[in-house]
């Protein structure tokens, strides 16, 4: 293509256009920074709310289970406090190679 006088842009217009773009880029950078900071804060707030809801649900489930098992815990406590401890000794008996067979007491094939 040849150089046409009506296509050529004077240098001062090019410099003005570059200067205008620089101001727009600074504005865009500040706007992007503020938008990013706002999104970061909103994400933090959202995560705090989500964790609070999860903690509240966990507390409700724990309270429900605690309430439903209170009778069982009371019975276990009464059973332990009324139980007897049997003292005794134990010794290890070495196996003599005999094989034992588990059988019911009324099994006709049971060996005596």
Foldseek 3Di string as FASTA:
>chain_A
DDDDPVPDDDPVVVVVVVVVVVVVVVVVVVVVVVVVVVVVVVVVVVVVVVVVVVVVVVVVVVVVVCVVCVVVVVVVVVPVVPDDDDDDDDDDDDDPPDDDDDDDPPDPPDDD
